Structure formats: structure tokens, C-alpha cells
């Protein structure tokens, strides 16, 4: 198995910065669809916007570790933006899983790479998963950050099958749209230009 070199890590860092911008754009667009502030739509829109960045990353670095590192950076981003430490775990777990899925096809199989992006897109769901799995701890962390009871009641998502299934479906569809568009752009513009193999 090929190991990441220093230049690979630096390039992954640059793509991570771009991906964080895509997440920010996803949050912004998602806020137009949901005024409650619970960010339920943000991961789906982040996947739509981040697909091209992800596909460029995996086309430039076809080695295990780059996608995992991207996931860890996303987890660290949630930590540094004031979320509870559990919000870091989806970035780590889904980053590793996505790397493994892409690696099954040696980072060459387009279908597996697309599937890996669908998996990876759940790395951005840390705060929402935390809201469901550790509800009281989530509430306590919001109180500690000075949030009001009205705000907390407004953003809490119910823990029921329709809500969870709807969230998973939205993220998966957003990832498929973003991933397919990203693969199209990479093939049409970057491969032809000789920027990627």
C-alpha cells in the first residue's frame, strides 16, 4: 500500500480548506430552506457543493489516507467551531469508511468512488448525530454556550424514523448529485487539460 508523502498531506490540506468553504456554502443555502437553525439541510447542500472538491482530491491522490485525513479535518473543524467533542467522531468514522470503499477499487473505480463520497458526506453530520445520540449532553452544551430555552426547543430535531430517514435520504441524494457533477467536471475539464490522470 502506498503511503502518503508530505506533498500529498499538503495537497489534502489545501483541498480540505476548499471543502470547508463548500460546507459553509451548504450551511448558507440550507438556511434558506430551514429557518429553525438546526442545520438539517446543511450536510446535503455541502455534499452538492463539495462533490467536485472531493473528486479532484481522489483523482490527484490515489492512496489510502487522503480521504481519511479530509474527514479528520472536517471533524476538527466542528470541534474548533464550538461543537461538543462527539461531533468530531463522524468525520473520523465516515472518513475512514469512505477511504476504505474507494480503496476497494484502488481509487480507480468510478462507482466505488461515488459510493465513497456518499459515505463521506455523512462526515458533516456530527452536530446532528450528536443531537440524536446524546440529546441531554447536546442540550447541556448549548446551555453552557449561553443559548436560550426558546433557541434550544426550536433547533432540536425529533428522534423518529421519518426525520432520520429523511435526513439520510437528503444527504445521500445531495452526495449523488455533487459526486456525479464532480466526476463530470473532472473528466471534461481536468483530465482533458492534463491536470489529473
Protein backbone atom coordinates (compact mmCIF):
# COMPACT_ATOMS: atom_id res chain seq x y z
CA UNK A 1 0.00 0.00 0.00
CA UNK A 2 1.39 3.38 -1.00
CA UNK A 3 1.89 5.82 1.86
CA UNK A 4 1.06 9.49 1.81
CA UNK A 5 4.03 11.76 1.22
CA UNK A 6 4.46 15.26 2.64
CA UNK A 7 3.29 16.82 -0.63
CA UNK A 8 0.17 14.60 -0.52
CA UNK A 9 -0.62 15.81 3.00
CA UNK A 10 -0.13 19.43 1.98
CA UNK A 11 -2.35 18.99 -1.08
CA UNK A 12 -5.00 17.32 1.08
CA UNK A 13 -4.84 20.31 3.41
CA UNK A 14 -5.50 22.65 0.50
CA UNK A 15 -8.47 20.57 -0.62
CA UNK A 16 -9.72 20.46 2.98
CA UNK A 17 -9.76 24.27 3.05
CA UNK A 18 -11.80 24.27 -0.16
CA UNK A 19 -14.14 21.64 1.25
CA UNK A 20 -14.71 23.72 4.39
CA UNK A 21 -15.76 26.60 2.12
CA UNK A 22 -18.22 24.22 0.44
CA UNK A 23 -19.61 23.30 3.87
CA UNK A 24 -20.02 26.99 4.67
CA UNK A 25 -21.85 27.49 1.40
CA UNK A 26 -24.03 24.47 2.22
CA UNK A 27 -24.92 25.99 5.60
CA UNK A 28 -25.78 29.30 3.94
CA UNK A 29 -28.02 27.75 1.28
CA UNK A 30 -29.55 25.34 3.80
CA UNK A 31 -30.59 28.26 5.99
CA UNK A 32 -32.92 29.46 3.23
CA UNK A 33 -34.83 26.18 3.45
CA UNK A 34 -34.91 25.88 7.24
CA UNK A 35 -35.33 28.92 9.46
CA UNK A 36 -35.17 26.90 12.70
CA UNK A 37 -31.36 26.90 12.71
CA UNK A 38 -30.91 23.16 13.29
CA UNK A 39 -28.72 22.74 10.17
CA UNK A 40 -30.61 19.66 8.97
CA UNK A 41 -30.23 20.66 5.31
CA UNK A 42 -26.61 21.82 5.55
CA UNK A 43 -24.89 18.41 5.06
CA UNK A 44 -26.96 17.70 1.93
CA UNK A 45 -26.09 21.05 0.34
CA UNK A 46 -22.46 20.72 1.47
CA UNK A 47 -22.37 17.43 -0.43
CA UNK A 48 -23.78 19.07 -3.56
CA UNK A 49 -21.14 21.81 -3.48
CA UNK A 50 -18.28 19.62 -2.20
CA UNK A 51 -18.51 16.84 -4.78
CA UNK A 52 -16.11 18.45 -7.21
CA UNK A 53 -13.51 19.11 -4.49
CA UNK A 54 -13.74 15.50 -3.31
CA UNK A 55 -13.44 14.08 -6.83
CA UNK A 56 -10.45 16.28 -7.58
CA UNK A 57 -8.77 15.16 -4.35
CA UNK A 58 -9.20 11.46 -5.04
CA UNK A 59 -8.11 11.87 -8.67
CA UNK A 60 -4.90 13.61 -7.58
CA UNK A 61 -4.06 11.35 -4.61
CA UNK A 62 -4.92 7.71 -5.20
CA UNK A 63 -3.64 6.49 -1.85
CA UNK A 64 -5.24 5.43 1.40
CA UNK A 65 -5.16 8.23 3.93
CA UNK A 66 -6.08 11.35 1.95
CA UNK A 67 -9.84 10.90 2.35
CA UNK A 68 -9.40 9.86 6.00
CA UNK A 69 -7.35 12.99 6.62
CA UNK A 70 -10.04 15.12 4.97
CA UNK A 71 -12.58 13.55 7.33
CA UNK A 72 -10.42 14.28 10.36
CA UNK A 73 -10.03 17.90 9.27
CA UNK A 74 -13.82 18.17 9.00
CA UNK A 75 -14.18 16.70 12.49
CA UNK A 76 -11.61 19.15 13.83
CA UNK A 77 -13.49 21.97 12.12
CA UNK A 78 -16.61 21.12 14.12
CA UNK A 79 -14.58 20.99 17.33
CA UNK A 80 -12.97 24.36 16.67
CA UNK A 81 -16.32 25.92 15.78
CA UNK A 82 -17.62 25.22 19.27
CA UNK A 83 -19.36 21.85 18.97
CA UNK A 84 -19.07 19.11 21.58
CA UNK A 85 -16.20 16.64 21.12
CA UNK A 86 -18.52 13.84 19.92
CA UNK A 87 -19.16 15.93 16.80
CA UNK A 88 -15.58 15.03 15.77
CA UNK A 89 -16.33 11.29 15.54
CA UNK A 90 -18.42 11.22 12.32
CA UNK A 91 -15.60 12.97 10.48
CA UNK A 92 -13.18 10.29 11.62
CA UNK A 93 -15.50 7.29 11.14
CA UNK A 94 -17.04 8.25 7.81
CA UNK A 95 -13.68 9.48 6.50
CA UNK A 96 -12.08 6.11 7.19
CA UNK A 97 -15.07 4.21 5.75
CA UNK A 98 -15.07 6.35 2.60
CA UNK A 99 -11.32 5.81 2.17
CA UNK A 100 -11.82 2.05 2.54
CA UNK A 101 -14.67 1.99 -0.04
CA UNK A 102 -12.63 3.96 -2.60
CA UNK A 103 -9.65 1.70 -1.88
CA UNK A 104 -11.67 -1.40 -2.81
CA UNK A 105 -11.40 -0.23 -6.40
CA UNK A 106 -7.83 1.02 -5.95
CA UNK A 107 -9.14 4.58 -6.30
CA UNK A 108 -9.91 3.96 -9.97
CA UNK A 109 -13.46 2.52 -9.94
CA UNK A 110 -15.84 5.44 -10.58
CA UNK A 111 -18.84 3.71 -8.99
CA UNK A 112 -16.94 2.92 -5.80
CA UNK A 113 -15.52 6.44 -5.69
CA UNK A 114 -19.05 7.83 -5.99
CA UNK A 115 -20.22 5.48 -3.22
CA UNK A 116 -17.26 6.57 -1.09
CA UNK A 117 -18.37 10.19 -1.47
CA UNK A 118 -21.91 9.29 -0.39
CA UNK A 119 -20.39 7.69 2.72
CA UNK A 120 -18.02 10.61 3.29
CA UNK A 121 -20.83 13.17 3.09
CA UNK A 122 -22.07 11.98 6.49
CA UNK A 123 -18.82 13.31 7.99
CA UNK A 124 -20.57 16.68 8.06
CA UNK A 125 -23.43 15.37 10.19
CA UNK A 126 -21.57 15.44 13.52
CA UNK A 127 -23.72 18.04 15.28
CA UNK A 128 -26.97 16.41 14.12
CA UNK A 129 -25.93 12.86 15.03
CA UNK A 130 -24.79 14.20 18.40
CA UNK A 131 -28.24 15.80 18.83
CA UNK A 132 -29.85 12.38 18.38
CA UNK A 133 -27.41 10.08 20.20
CA UNK A 134 -26.57 12.26 23.21
CA UNK A 135 -29.56 14.56 23.43
CA UNK A 136 -29.19 15.73 27.02
CA UNK A 137 -25.45 16.29 26.64
CA UNK A 138 -26.20 18.27 23.48
CA UNK A 139 -28.72 20.40 25.36
CA UNK A 140 -26.27 20.92 28.24
CA UNK A 141 -23.57 22.04 25.79
CA UNK A 142 -25.94 24.59 24.26
CA UNK A 143 -26.86 25.91 27.70
CA UNK A 144 -23.15 26.19 28.54
CA UNK A 145 -22.73 28.28 25.37
CA UNK A 146 -25.43 30.65 26.57
CA UNK A 147 -28.27 29.52 24.29
CA UNK A 148 -31.82 30.27 25.42
CA UNK A 149 -34.54 27.69 26.07
CA UNK A 150 -36.51 29.06 23.10
CA UNK A 151 -33.49 28.56 20.81
CA UNK A 152 -32.87 25.03 22.09
CA UNK A 153 -36.51 23.97 21.63
CA UNK A 154 -36.51 25.46 18.14
CA UNK A 155 -33.45 23.64 16.82
CA UNK A 156 -33.96 20.21 18.40
CA UNK A 157 -34.87 17.60 15.81
CA UNK A 158 -37.20 14.76 16.84
CA UNK A 159 -35.67 11.31 17.20
CA UNK A 160 -38.06 9.38 14.99
CA UNK A 161 -37.80 7.26 11.87
CA UNK A 162 -39.27 9.79 9.37
CA UNK A 163 -36.85 12.53 10.49
CA UNK A 164 -33.78 10.27 10.49
CA UNK A 165 -34.70 8.59 7.19
CA UNK A 166 -35.41 11.96 5.62
CA UNK A 167 -32.04 13.29 6.75
CA UNK A 168 -30.14 10.22 5.47
CA UNK A 169 -32.02 10.38 2.17
CA UNK A 170 -31.31 14.09 1.68
CA UNK A 171 -27.58 13.66 2.34
CA UNK A 172 -27.37 10.63 0.02
CA UNK A 173 -29.19 12.44 -2.81
CA UNK A 174 -27.07 15.57 -2.32
CA UNK A 175 -23.91 13.44 -2.44
CA UNK A 176 -25.01 11.66 -5.61
CA UNK A 177 -25.74 14.99 -7.31
CA UNK A 178 -22.48 16.56 -6.14
CA UNK A 179 -20.43 13.44 -6.84
CA UNK A 180 -21.76 12.86 -10.34
CA UNK A 181 -21.30 16.53 -11.20
CA UNK A 182 -17.80 16.43 -9.75
CA UNK A 183 -16.87 13.36 -11.79
CA UNK A 184 -18.25 15.03 -14.90
CA UNK A 185 -16.19 18.18 -14.32
CA UNK A 186 -13.02 16.24 -13.57
CA UNK A 187 -13.40 14.16 -16.73
CA UNK A 188 -14.43 17.03 -19.01
CA UNK A 189 -12.11 19.78 -17.84
CA UNK A 190 -9.27 18.48 -15.69
CA UNK A 191 -8.46 15.18 -17.43
CA UNK A 192 -8.54 16.84 -20.86
CA UNK A 193 -6.29 19.61 -19.58
CA UNK A 194 -3.84 17.01 -18.28
CA UNK A 195 -4.21 18.21 -14.68
CA UNK A 196 -5.25 14.75 -13.44
CA UNK A 197 -4.74 11.25 -14.74
